[in-house]
mmCIF file of all heavy atoms, coordinates in Angstrom:
data_MODEL
# 
_entry.id   MODEL 
# 
loop_
_atom_site.group_PDB 
_atom_site.id 
_atom_site.type_symbol 
_atom_site.label_atom_id 
_atom_site.label_alt_id 
_atom_site.label_comp_id 
_atom_site.label_asym_id 
_atom_site.label_entity_id 
_atom_site.label_seq_id 
_atom_site.pdbx_PDB_ins_code 
_atom_site.Cartn_x 
_atom_site.Cartn_y 
_atom_site.Cartn_z 
_atom_site.occupancy 
_atom_site.B_iso_or_equiv 
_atom_site.pdbx_formal_charge 
_atom_site.auth_seq_id 
_atom_site.auth_comp_id 
_atom_site.auth_asym_id 
_atom_site.auth_atom_id 
_atom_site.pdbx_PDB_model_num 
ATOM 1   N N   . PRO A 1 1  ? -5.048  4.961   -1.185 1.00 0.00 ? 1  PRO A N   1 
ATOM 2   C CA  . PRO A 1 1  ? -4.331  3.971   -0.380 1.00 0.00 ? 1  PRO A CA  1 
ATOM 3   C C   . PRO A 1 1  ? -3.881  2.708   -1.122 1.00 0.00 ? 1  PRO A C   1 
ATOM 4   O O   . PRO A 1 1  ? -3.484  1.730   -0.474 1.00 0.00 ? 1  PRO A O   1 
ATOM 5   C CB  . PRO A 1 1  ? -5.355  3.616   0.692  1.00 0.00 ? 1  PRO A CB  1 
ATOM 6   C CG  . PRO A 1 1  ? -6.669  3.737   -0.029 1.00 0.00 ? 1  PRO A CG  1 
ATOM 7   C CD  . PRO A 1 1  ? -6.506  4.887   -0.974 1.00 0.00 ? 1  PRO A CD  1 
ATOM 8   N N   . GLU A 1 2  ? -3.962  2.715   -2.440 1.00 0.00 ? 2  GLU A N   1 
ATOM 9   C CA  . GLU A 1 2  ? -3.454  1.571   -3.183 1.00 0.00 ? 2  GLU A CA  1 
ATOM 10  C C   . GLU A 1 2  ? -1.930  1.613   -3.222 1.00 0.00 ? 2  GLU A C   1 
ATOM 11  O O   . GLU A 1 2  ? -1.319  2.680   -3.138 1.00 0.00 ? 2  GLU A O   1 
ATOM 12  C CB  . GLU A 1 2  ? -4.037  1.557   -4.592 1.00 0.00 ? 2  GLU A CB  1 
ATOM 13  C CG  . GLU A 1 2  ? -5.546  1.351   -4.625 1.00 0.00 ? 2  GLU A CG  1 
ATOM 14  C CD  . GLU A 1 2  ? -6.097  1.277   -6.042 1.00 0.00 ? 2  GLU A CD  1 
ATOM 15  O OE1 . GLU A 1 2  ? -5.284  1.079   -6.970 1.00 0.00 ? 2  GLU A OE1 1 
ATOM 16  O OE2 . GLU A 1 2  ? -7.316  1.426   -6.211 1.00 0.00 ? 2  GLU A OE2 1 
ATOM 17  N N   . ALA A 1 3  ? -1.325  0.431   -3.343 1.00 0.00 ? 3  ALA A N   1 
ATOM 18  C CA  . ALA A 1 3  ? 0.131   0.329   -3.392 1.00 0.00 ? 3  ALA A CA  1 
ATOM 19  C C   . ALA A 1 3  ? 0.506   -0.936  -4.167 1.00 0.00 ? 3  ALA A C   1 
ATOM 20  O O   . ALA A 1 3  ? -0.368  -1.734  -4.537 1.00 0.00 ? 3  ALA A O   1 
ATOM 21  C CB  . ALA A 1 3  ? 0.710   0.284   -1.981 1.00 0.00 ? 3  ALA A CB  1 
ATOM 22  N N   . ILE A 1 4  ? 1.790   -1.101  -4.405 1.00 0.00 ? 4  ILE A N   1 
ATOM 23  C CA  . ILE A 1 4  ? 2.305   -2.311  -5.053 1.00 0.00 ? 4  ILE A CA  1 
ATOM 24  C C   . ILE A 1 4  ? 3.002   -3.151  -3.998 1.00 0.00 ? 4  ILE A C   1 
ATOM 25  O O   . ILE A 1 4  ? 3.841   -2.649  -3.251 1.00 0.00 ? 4  ILE A O   1 
ATOM 26  C CB  . ILE A 1 4  ? 3.282   -1.962  -6.194 1.00 0.00 ? 4  ILE A CB  1 
ATOM 27  C CG1 . ILE A 1 4  ? 2.576   -1.123  -7.261 1.00 0.00 ? 4  ILE A CG1 1 
ATOM 28  C CG2 . ILE A 1 4  ? 3.847   -3.232  -6.820 1.00 0.00 ? 4  ILE A CG2 1 
ATOM 29  C CD1 . ILE A 1 4  ? 3.518   -0.575  -8.312 1.00 0.00 ? 4  ILE A CD1 1 
ATOM 30  N N   . TRP A 1 5  ? 2.642   -4.427  -3.922 1.00 0.00 ? 5  TRP A N   1 
ATOM 31  C CA  . TRP A 1 5  ? 3.218   -5.359  -2.946 1.00 0.00 ? 5  TRP A CA  1 
ATOM 32  C C   . TRP A 1 5  ? 4.189   -6.302  -3.649 1.00 0.00 ? 5  TRP A C   1 
ATOM 33  O O   . TRP A 1 5  ? 3.843   -6.934  -4.651 1.00 0.00 ? 5  TRP A O   1 
ATOM 34  C CB  . TRP A 1 5  ? 2.108   -6.165  -2.277 1.00 0.00 ? 5  TRP A CB  1 
ATOM 35  C CG  . TRP A 1 5  ? 2.582   -7.183  -1.278 1.00 0.00 ? 5  TRP A CG  1 
ATOM 36  C CD1 . TRP A 1 5  ? 3.281   -6.951  -0.134 1.00 0.00 ? 5  TRP A CD1 1 
ATOM 37  C CD2 . TRP A 1 5  ? 2.369   -8.599  -1.325 1.00 0.00 ? 5  TRP A CD2 1 
ATOM 38  N NE1 . TRP A 1 5  ? 3.510   -8.130  0.540  1.00 0.00 ? 5  TRP A NE1 1 
ATOM 39  C CE2 . TRP A 1 5  ? 2.958   -9.161  -0.179 1.00 0.00 ? 5  TRP A CE2 1 
ATOM 40  C CE3 . TRP A 1 5  ? 1.718   -9.450  -2.235 1.00 0.00 ? 5  TRP A CE3 1 
ATOM 41  C CZ2 . TRP A 1 5  ? 2.933   -10.529 0.094  1.00 0.00 ? 5  TRP A CZ2 1 
ATOM 42  C CZ3 . TRP A 1 5  ? 1.689   -10.805 -1.971 1.00 0.00 ? 5  TRP A CZ3 1 
ATOM 43  C CH2 . TRP A 1 5  ? 2.290   -11.341 -0.824 1.00 0.00 ? 5  TRP A CH2 1 
ATOM 44  N N   . TYR A 1 6  ? 5.391   -6.363  -3.120 1.00 0.00 ? 6  TYR A N   1 
ATOM 45  C CA  . TYR A 1 6  ? 6.407   -7.287  -3.617 1.00 0.00 ? 6  TYR A CA  1 
ATOM 46  C C   . TYR A 1 6  ? 6.433   -8.499  -2.695 1.00 0.00 ? 6  TYR A C   1 
ATOM 47  O O   . TYR A 1 6  ? 7.111   -8.509  -1.670 1.00 0.00 ? 6  TYR A O   1 
ATOM 48  C CB  . TYR A 1 6  ? 7.777   -6.601  -3.671 1.00 0.00 ? 6  TYR A CB  1 
ATOM 49  C CG  . TYR A 1 6  ? 7.892   -5.588  -4.788 1.00 0.00 ? 6  TYR A CG  1 
ATOM 50  C CD1 . TYR A 1 6  ? 7.286   -4.340  -4.697 1.00 0.00 ? 6  TYR A CD1 1 
ATOM 51  C CD2 . TYR A 1 6  ? 8.595   -5.885  -5.955 1.00 0.00 ? 6  TYR A CD2 1 
ATOM 52  C CE1 . TYR A 1 6  ? 7.366   -3.408  -5.723 1.00 0.00 ? 6  TYR A CE1 1 
ATOM 53  C CE2 . TYR A 1 6  ? 8.694   -4.962  -6.996 1.00 0.00 ? 6  TYR A CE2 1 
ATOM 54  C CZ  . TYR A 1 6  ? 8.077   -3.734  -6.868 1.00 0.00 ? 6  TYR A CZ  1 
ATOM 55  O OH  . TYR A 1 6  ? 8.165   -2.822  -7.905 1.00 0.00 ? 6  TYR A OH  1 
ATOM 56  N N   . GLY A 1 7  ? 5.637   -9.509  -3.053 1.00 0.00 ? 7  GLY A N   1 
ATOM 57  C CA  . GLY A 1 7  ? 5.548   -10.715 -2.239 1.00 0.00 ? 7  GLY A CA  1 
ATOM 58  C C   . GLY A 1 7  ? 6.665   -11.686 -2.538 1.00 0.00 ? 7  GLY A C   1 
ATOM 59  O O   . GLY A 1 7  ? 7.493   -11.455 -3.427 1.00 0.00 ? 7  GLY A O   1 
ATOM 60  N N   . PRO A 1 8  ? 6.707   -12.800 -1.825 1.00 0.00 ? 8  PRO A N   1 
ATOM 61  C CA  . PRO A 1 8  ? 7.775   -13.788 -2.036 1.00 0.00 ? 8  PRO A CA  1 
ATOM 62  C C   . PRO A 1 8  ? 7.713   -14.459 -3.404 1.00 0.00 ? 8  PRO A C   1 
ATOM 63  O O   . PRO A 1 8  ? 8.733   -14.913 -3.919 1.00 0.00 ? 8  PRO A O   1 
ATOM 64  C CB  . PRO A 1 8  ? 7.555   -14.794 -0.902 1.00 0.00 ? 8  PRO A CB  1 
ATOM 65  C CG  . PRO A 1 8  ? 6.132   -14.602 -0.469 1.00 0.00 ? 8  PRO A CG  1 
ATOM 66  C CD  . PRO A 1 8  ? 5.809   -13.172 -0.723 1.00 0.00 ? 8  PRO A CD  1 
ATOM 67  N N   . TYR A 1 9  ? 6.517   -14.510 -3.990 1.00 0.00 ? 9  TYR A N   1 
ATOM 68  C CA  . TYR A 1 9  ? 6.366   -15.215 -5.261 1.00 0.00 ? 9  TYR A CA  1 
ATOM 69  C C   . TYR A 1 9  ? 5.728   -14.375 -6.365 1.00 0.00 ? 9  TYR A C   1 
ATOM 70  O O   . TYR A 1 9  ? 5.680   -14.801 -7.516 1.00 0.00 ? 9  TYR A O   1 
ATOM 71  C CB  . TYR A 1 9  ? 5.527   -16.485 -5.070 1.00 0.00 ? 9  TYR A CB  1 
ATOM 72  C CG  . TYR A 1 9  ? 6.021   -17.363 -3.954 1.00 0.00 ? 9  TYR A CG  1 
ATOM 73  C CD1 . TYR A 1 9  ? 5.298   -17.493 -2.772 1.00 0.00 ? 9  TYR A CD1 1 
ATOM 74  C CD2 . TYR A 1 9  ? 7.237   -18.039 -4.060 1.00 0.00 ? 9  TYR A CD2 1 
ATOM 75  C CE1 . TYR A 1 9  ? 5.764   -18.277 -1.723 1.00 0.00 ? 9  TYR A CE1 1 
ATOM 76  C CE2 . TYR A 1 9  ? 7.711   -18.833 -3.021 1.00 0.00 ? 9  TYR A CE2 1 
ATOM 77  C CZ  . TYR A 1 9  ? 6.969   -18.944 -1.855 1.00 0.00 ? 9  TYR A CZ  1 
ATOM 78  O OH  . TYR A 1 9  ? 7.434   -19.721 -0.828 1.00 0.00 ? 9  TYR A OH  1 
ATOM 79  N N   . ASN A 1 10 ? 5.216   -13.196 -6.009 1.00 0.00 ? 10 ASN A N   1 
ATOM 80  C CA  . ASN A 1 10 ? 4.567   -12.380 -7.025 1.00 0.00 ? 10 ASN A CA  1 
ATOM 81  C C   . ASN A 1 10 ? 4.576   -10.911 -6.639 1.00 0.00 ? 10 ASN A C   1 
ATOM 82  O O   . ASN A 1 10 ? 4.886   -10.546 -5.497 1.00 0.00 ? 10 ASN A O   1 
ATOM 83  C CB  . ASN A 1 10 ? 3.128   -12.852 -7.264 1.00 0.00 ? 10 ASN A CB  1 
ATOM 84  C CG  . ASN A 1 10 ? 2.264   -12.735 -6.018 1.00 0.00 ? 10 ASN A CG  1 
ATOM 85  O OD1 . ASN A 1 10 ? 2.768   -12.583 -4.909 1.00 0.00 ? 10 ASN A OD1 1 
ATOM 86  N ND2 . ASN A 1 10 ? 0.960   -12.804 -6.190 1.00 0.00 ? 10 ASN A ND2 1 
ATOM 87  N N   . ILE A 1 11 ? 4.229   -10.072 -7.613 1.00 0.00 ? 11 ILE A N   1 
ATOM 88  C CA  . ILE A 1 11 ? 4.096   -8.633  -7.414 1.00 0.00 ? 11 ILE A CA  1 
ATOM 89  C C   . ILE A 1 11 ? 2.677   -8.258  -7.826 1.00 0.00 ? 11 ILE A C   1 
ATOM 90  O O   . ILE A 1 11 ? 2.219   -8.646  -8.901 1.00 0.00 ? 11 ILE A O   1 
ATOM 91  C CB  . ILE A 1 11 ? 5.114   -7.855  -8.264 1.00 0.00 ? 11 ILE A CB  1 
ATOM 92  C CG1 . ILE A 1 11 ? 6.548   -8.265  -7.901 1.00 0.00 ? 11 ILE A CG1 1 
ATOM 93  C CG2 . ILE A 1 11 ? 4.930   -6.349  -8.083 1.00 0.00 ? 11 ILE A CG2 1 
ATOM 94  C CD1 . ILE A 1 11 ? 7.592   -7.708  -8.853 1.00 0.00 ? 11 ILE A CD1 1 
ATOM 95  N N   . LYS A 1 12 ? 1.978   -7.516  -6.951 1.00 0.00 ? 12 LYS A N   1 
ATOM 96  C CA  . LYS A 1 12 ? 0.590   -7.191  -7.294 1.00 0.00 ? 12 LYS A CA  1 
ATOM 97  C C   . LYS A 1 12 ? 0.135   -5.923  -6.583 1.00 0.00 ? 12 LYS A C   1 
ATOM 98  O O   . LYS A 1 12 ? 0.772   -5.441  -5.628 1.00 0.00 ? 12 LYS A O   1 
ATOM 99  C CB  . LYS A 1 12 ? -0.330  -8.349  -6.939 1.00 0.00 ? 12 LYS A CB  1 
ATOM 100 C CG  . LYS A 1 12 ? -0.400  -8.681  -5.448 1.00 0.00 ? 12 LYS A CG  1 
ATOM 101 C CD  . LYS A 1 12 ? -1.383  -9.826  -5.225 1.00 0.00 ? 12 LYS A CD  1 
ATOM 102 C CE  . LYS A 1 12 ? -1.542  -10.152 -3.748 1.00 0.00 ? 12 LYS A CE  1 
ATOM 103 N NZ  . LYS A 1 12 ? -2.553  -11.202 -3.522 1.00 0.00 ? 12 LYS A NZ  1 
ATOM 104 N N   . ASN A 1 13 ? -0.998  -5.403  -7.038 1.00 0.00 ? 13 ASN A N   1 
ATOM 105 C CA  . ASN A 1 13 ? -1.605  -4.224  -6.426 1.00 0.00 ? 13 ASN A CA  1 
ATOM 106 C C   . ASN A 1 13 ? -2.399  -4.632  -5.191 1.00 0.00 ? 13 ASN A C   1 
ATOM 107 O O   . ASN A 1 13 ? -3.100  -5.649  -5.198 1.00 0.00 ? 13 ASN A O   1 
ATOM 108 C CB  . ASN A 1 13 ? -2.532  -3.520  -7.420 1.00 0.00 ? 13 ASN A CB  1 
ATOM 109 C CG  . ASN A 1 13 ? -1.774  -2.935  -8.588 1.00 0.00 ? 13 ASN A CG  1 
ATOM 110 O OD1 . ASN A 1 13 ? -0.676  -2.401  -8.424 1.00 0.00 ? 13 ASN A OD1 1 
ATOM 111 N ND2 . ASN A 1 13 ? -2.349  -3.016  -9.781 1.00 0.00 ? 13 ASN A ND2 1 
ATOM 112 N N   . ILE A 1 14 ? -2.272  -3.833  -4.139 1.00 0.00 ? 14 ILE A N   1 
ATOM 113 C CA  . ILE A 1 14 ? -3.010  -4.089  -2.900 1.00 0.00 ? 14 ILE A CA  1 
ATOM 114 C C   . ILE A 1 14 ? -3.605  -2.776  -2.390 1.00 0.00 ? 14 ILE A C   1 
ATOM 115 O O   . ILE A 1 14 ? -3.259  -1.692  -2.857 1.00 0.00 ? 14 ILE A O   1 
ATOM 116 C CB  . ILE A 1 14 ? -2.095  -4.726  -1.825 1.00 0.00 ? 14 ILE A CB  1 
ATOM 117 C CG1 . ILE A 1 14 ? -0.828  -3.870  -1.607 1.00 0.00 ? 14 ILE A CG1 1 
ATOM 118 C CG2 . ILE A 1 14 ? -1.711  -6.138  -2.217 1.00 0.00 ? 14 ILE A CG2 1 
ATOM 119 C CD1 . ILE A 1 14 ? -0.839  -2.992  -0.424 1.00 0.00 ? 14 ILE A CD1 1 
ATOM 120 N N   . VAL A 1 15 ? -4.512  -2.890  -1.418 1.00 0.00 ? 15 VAL A N   1 
ATOM 121 C CA  . VAL A 1 15 ? -5.048  -1.714  -0.729 1.00 0.00 ? 15 VAL A CA  1 
ATOM 122 C C   . VAL A 1 15 ? -4.481  -1.705  0.688  1.00 0.00 ? 15 VAL A C   1 
ATOM 123 O O   . VAL A 1 15 ? -4.613  -2.681  1.423  1.00 0.00 ? 15 VAL A O   1 
ATOM 124 C CB  . VAL A 1 15 ? -6.590  -1.732  -0.681 1.00 0.00 ? 15 VAL A CB  1 
ATOM 125 C CG1 . VAL A 1 15 ? -7.109  -0.531  0.123  1.00 0.00 ? 15 VAL A CG1 1 
ATOM 126 C CG2 . VAL A 1 15 ? -7.165  -1.701  -2.090 1.00 0.00 ? 15 VAL A CG2 1 
ATOM 127 N N   . ASN A 1 16 ? -3.846  -0.610  1.043  1.00 0.00 ? 16 ASN A N   1 
ATOM 128 C CA  . ASN A 1 16 ? -3.212  -0.476  2.348  1.00 0.00 ? 16 ASN A CA  1 
ATOM 129 C C   . ASN A 1 16 ? -4.230  0.032   3.368  1.00 0.00 ? 16 ASN A C   1 
ATOM 130 O O   . ASN A 1 16 ? -4.740  1.150   3.246  1.00 0.00 ? 16 ASN A O   1 
ATOM 131 C CB  . ASN A 1 16 ? -2.035  0.499   2.234  1.00 0.00 ? 16 ASN A CB  1 
ATOM 132 C CG  . ASN A 1 16 ? -1.196  0.553   3.499  1.00 0.00 ? 16 ASN A CG  1 
ATOM 133 O OD1 . ASN A 1 16 ? -1.614  0.097   4.561  1.00 0.00 ? 16 ASN A OD1 1 
ATOM 134 N ND2 . ASN A 1 16 ? -0.011  1.123   3.394  1.00 0.00 ? 16 ASN A ND2 1 
ATOM 135 N N   . TRP A 1 17 ? -4.507  -0.805  4.378  1.00 0.00 ? 17 TRP A N   1 
ATOM 136 C CA  . TRP A 1 17 ? -5.462  -0.451  5.425  1.00 0.00 ? 17 TRP A CA  1 
ATOM 137 C C   . TRP A 1 17 ? -4.789  -0.204  6.773  1.00 0.00 ? 17 TRP A C   1 
ATOM 138 O O   . TRP A 1 17 ? -5.475  -0.142  7.804  1.00 0.00 ? 17 TRP A O   1 
ATOM 139 C CB  . TRP A 1 17 ? -6.508  -1.549  5.579  1.00 0.00 ? 17 TRP A CB  1 
ATOM 140 C CG  . TRP A 1 17 ? -7.629  -1.464  4.589  1.00 0.00 ? 17 TRP A CG  1 
ATOM 141 C CD1 . TRP A 1 17 ? -7.773  -2.170  3.430  1.00 0.00 ? 17 TRP A CD1 1 
ATOM 142 C CD2 . TRP A 1 17 ? -8.772  -0.607  4.667  1.00 0.00 ? 17 TRP A CD2 1 
ATOM 143 N NE1 . TRP A 1 17 ? -8.934  -1.811  2.783  1.00 0.00 ? 17 TRP A NE1 1 
ATOM 144 C CE2 . TRP A 1 17 ? -9.576  -0.856  3.525  1.00 0.00 ? 17 TRP A CE2 1 
ATOM 145 C CE3 . TRP A 1 17 ? -9.213  0.345   5.588  1.00 0.00 ? 17 TRP A CE3 1 
ATOM 146 C CZ2 . TRP A 1 17 ? -10.772 -0.185  3.290  1.00 0.00 ? 17 TRP A CZ2 1 
ATOM 147 C CZ3 . TRP A 1 17 ? -10.404 1.013   5.356  1.00 0.00 ? 17 TRP A CZ3 1 
ATOM 148 C CH2 . TRP A 1 17 ? -11.169 0.743   4.221  1.00 0.00 ? 17 TRP A CH2 1 
ATOM 149 N N   . CYS A 1 18 ? -3.477  -0.062  6.799  1.00 0.00 ? 18 CYS A N   1 
ATOM 150 C CA  . CYS A 1 18 ? -2.812  0.102   8.097  1.00 0.00 ? 18 CYS A CA  1 
ATOM 151 C C   . CYS A 1 18 ? -1.798  1.240   8.103  1.00 0.00 ? 18 CYS A C   1 
ATOM 152 O O   . CYS A 1 18 ? -0.968  1.333   9.004  1.00 0.00 ? 18 CYS A O   1 
ATOM 153 C CB  . CYS A 1 18 ? -2.147  -1.201  8.532  1.00 0.00 ? 18 CYS A CB  1 
ATOM 154 S SG  . CYS A 1 18 ? -0.937  -1.872  7.364  1.00 0.00 ? 18 CYS A SG  1 
ATOM 155 N N   . SER A 1 19 ? -1.854  2.112   7.124  1.00 0.00 ? 19 SER A N   1 
ATOM 156 C CA  . SER A 1 19 ? -0.892  3.214   7.057  1.00 0.00 ? 19 SER A CA  1 
ATOM 157 C C   . SER A 1 19 ? -1.184  4.261   8.118  1.00 0.00 ? 19 SER A C   1 
ATOM 158 O O   . SER A 1 19 ? -2.341  4.572   8.419  1.00 0.00 ? 19 SER A O   1 
ATOM 159 C CB  . SER A 1 19 ? -0.940  3.864   5.675  1.00 0.00 ? 19 SER A CB  1 
ATOM 160 O OG  . SER A 1 19 ? -0.116  5.009   5.641  1.00 0.00 ? 19 SER A OG  1 
ATOM 161 N N   . ASN A 1 20 ? -0.120  4.842   8.673  1.00 0.00 ? 20 ASN A N   1 
ATOM 162 C CA  . ASN A 1 20 ? -0.265  5.976   9.582  1.00 0.00 ? 20 ASN A CA  1 
ATOM 163 C C   . ASN A 1 20 ? -0.326  7.308   8.842  1.00 0.00 ? 20 ASN A C   1 
ATOM 164 O O   . ASN A 1 20 ? -0.390  8.366   9.482  1.00 0.00 ? 20 ASN A O   1 
ATOM 165 C CB  . ASN A 1 20 ? 0.891   6.003   10.586 1.00 0.00 ? 20 ASN A CB  1 
ATOM 166 C CG  . ASN A 1 20 ? 0.701   5.001   11.702 1.00 0.00 ? 20 ASN A CG  1 
ATOM 167 O OD1 . ASN A 1 20 ? -0.411  4.560   11.976 1.00 0.00 ? 20 ASN A OD1 1 
ATOM 168 N ND2 . ASN A 1 20 ? 1.786   4.628   12.359 1.00 0.00 ? 20 ASN A ND2 1 
ATOM 169 N N   . ASP A 1 21 ? -0.288  7.272   7.529  1.00 0.00 ? 21 ASP A N   1 
ATOM 170 C CA  . ASP A 1 21 ? -0.518  8.472   6.724  1.00 0.00 ? 21 ASP A CA  1 
ATOM 171 C C   . ASP A 1 21 ? -2.024  8.714   6.730  1.00 0.00 ? 21 ASP A C   1 
ATOM 172 O O   . ASP A 1 21 ? -2.724  8.572   5.729  1.00 0.00 ? 21 ASP A O   1 
ATOM 173 C CB  . ASP A 1 21 ? 0.017   8.259   5.305  1.00 0.00 ? 21 ASP A CB  1 
ATOM 174 C CG  . ASP A 1 21 ? 0.005   9.522   4.464  1.00 0.00 ? 21 ASP A CG  1 
ATOM 175 O OD1 . ASP A 1 21 ? -0.425  10.579  4.976  1.00 0.00 ? 21 ASP A OD1 1 
ATOM 176 O OD2 . ASP A 1 21 ? 0.423   9.462   3.292  1.00 0.00 ? 21 ASP A OD2 1 
ATOM 177 N N   . TYR A 1 22 ? -2.524  9.099   7.921  1.00 0.00 ? 22 TYR A N   1 
ATOM 178 C CA  . TYR A 1 22 ? -3.950  9.046   8.226  1.00 0.00 ? 22 TYR A CA  1 
ATOM 179 C C   . TYR A 1 22 ? -4.830  9.876   7.295  1.00 0.00 ? 22 TYR A C   1 
ATOM 180 O O   . TYR A 1 22 ? -5.997  9.552   7.090  1.00 0.00 ? 22 TYR A O   1 
ATOM 181 C CB  . TYR A 1 22 ? -4.189  9.516   9.658  1.00 0.00 ? 22 TYR A CB  1 
ATOM 182 C CG  . TYR A 1 22 ? -3.725  8.570   10.730 1.00 0.00 ? 22 TYR A CG  1 
ATOM 183 C CD1 . TYR A 1 22 ? -2.901  9.012   11.768 1.00 0.00 ? 22 TYR A CD1 1 
ATOM 184 C CD2 . TYR A 1 22 ? -4.129  7.235   10.748 1.00 0.00 ? 22 TYR A CD2 1 
ATOM 185 C CE1 . TYR A 1 22 ? -2.495  8.160   12.784 1.00 0.00 ? 22 TYR A CE1 1 
ATOM 186 C CE2 . TYR A 1 22 ? -3.731  6.381   11.753 1.00 0.00 ? 22 TYR A CE2 1 
ATOM 187 C CZ  . TYR A 1 22 ? -2.901  6.844   12.772 1.00 0.00 ? 22 TYR A CZ  1 
ATOM 188 O OH  . TYR A 1 22 ? -2.512  5.996   13.771 1.00 0.00 ? 22 TYR A OH  1 
ATOM 189 N N   . LEU A 1 23 ? -4.302  10.972  6.766  1.00 0.00 ? 23 LEU A N   1 
ATOM 190 C CA  . LEU A 1 23 ? -5.104  11.855  5.919  1.00 0.00 ? 23 LEU A CA  1 
ATOM 191 C C   . LEU A 1 23 ? -4.626  11.870  4.471  1.00 0.00 ? 23 LEU A C   1 
ATOM 192 O O   . LEU A 1 23 ? -5.140  12.642  3.652  1.00 0.00 ? 23 LEU A O   1 
ATOM 193 C CB  . LEU A 1 23 ? -5.095  13.282  6.486  1.00 0.00 ? 23 LEU A CB  1 
ATOM 194 C CG  . LEU A 1 23 ? -5.623  13.439  7.924  1.00 0.00 ? 23 LEU A CG  1 
ATOM 195 C CD1 . LEU A 1 23 ? -5.511  14.887  8.379  1.00 0.00 ? 23 LEU A CD1 1 
ATOM 196 C CD2 . LEU A 1 23 ? -7.060  12.948  8.041  1.00 0.00 ? 23 LEU A CD2 1 
ATOM 197 N N   . GLY A 1 24 ? -3.642  11.032  4.163  1.00 0.00 ? 24 GLY A N   1 
ATOM 198 C CA  . GLY A 1 24 ? -3.121  10.959  2.806  1.00 0.00 ? 24 GLY A CA  1 
ATOM 199 C C   . GLY A 1 24 ? -2.265  12.144  2.405  1.00 0.00 ? 24 GLY A C   1 
ATOM 200 O O   . GLY A 1 24 ? -2.024  12.369  1.210  1.00 0.00 ? 24 GLY A O   1 
ATOM 201 N N   . MET A 1 25 ? -1.765  12.905  3.389  1.00 0.00 ? 25 MET A N   1 
ATOM 202 C CA  . MET A 1 25 ? -0.981  14.097  3.067  1.00 0.00 ? 25 MET A CA  1 
ATOM 203 C C   . MET A 1 25 ? 0.384   13.765  2.470  1.00 0.00 ? 25 MET A C   1 
ATOM 204 O O   . MET A 1 25 ? 0.999   14.615  1.828  1.00 0.00 ? 25 MET A O   1 
ATOM 205 C CB  . MET A 1 25 ? -0.817  14.964  4.314  1.00 0.00 ? 25 MET A CB  1 
ATOM 206 C CG  . MET A 1 25 ? -2.101  15.622  4.793  1.00 0.00 ? 25 MET A CG  1 
ATOM 207 S SD  . MET A 1 25 ? -2.898  16.659  3.546  1.00 0.00 ? 25 MET A SD  1 
ATOM 208 C CE  . MET A 1 25 ? -1.694  17.981  3.367  1.00 0.00 ? 25 MET A CE  1 
ATOM 209 N N   . GLY A 1 26 ? 0.854   12.545  2.680  1.00 0.00 ? 26 GLY A N   1 
ATOM 210 C CA  . GLY A 1 26 ? 2.118   12.128  2.076  1.00 0.00 ? 26 GLY A CA  1 
ATOM 211 C C   . GLY A 1 26 ? 2.067   12.087  0.555  1.00 0.00 ? 26 GLY A C   1 
ATOM 212 O O   . GLY A 1 26 ? 3.109   12.026  -0.114 1.00 0.00 ? 26 GLY A O   1 
ATOM 213 N N   . GLN A 1 27 ? 0.844   12.133  0.013  1.00 0.00 ? 27 GLN A N   1 
ATOM 214 C CA  . GLN A 1 27 ? 0.646   12.113  -1.433 1.00 0.00 ? 27 GLN A CA  1 
ATOM 215 C C   . GLN A 1 27 ? 0.124   13.450  -1.963 1.00 0.00 ? 27 GLN A C   1 
ATOM 216 O O   . GLN A 1 27 ? -0.105  13.593  -3.160 1.00 0.00 ? 27 GLN A O   1 
ATOM 217 C CB  . GLN A 1 27 ? -0.378  11.030  -1.787 1.00 0.00 ? 27 GLN A CB  1 
ATOM 218 C CG  . GLN A 1 27 ? -0.060  9.654   -1.231 1.00 0.00 ? 27 GLN A CG  1 
ATOM 219 C CD  . GLN A 1 27 ? 0.816   8.869   -2.175 1.00 0.00 ? 27 GLN A CD  1 
ATOM 220 O OE1 . GLN A 1 27 ? 0.461   8.665   -3.325 1.00 0.00 ? 27 GLN A OE1 1 
ATOM 221 N NE2 . GLN A 1 27 ? 1.965   8.438   -1.696 1.00 0.00 ? 27 GLN A NE2 1 
# 
């Protein structure tokens, strides 16, 4: 569930806790 976040001032790695890809099958 890690992803890259493109924020207003920076780009960084985050952990996604709200995805509906409930079982990770999209990966």
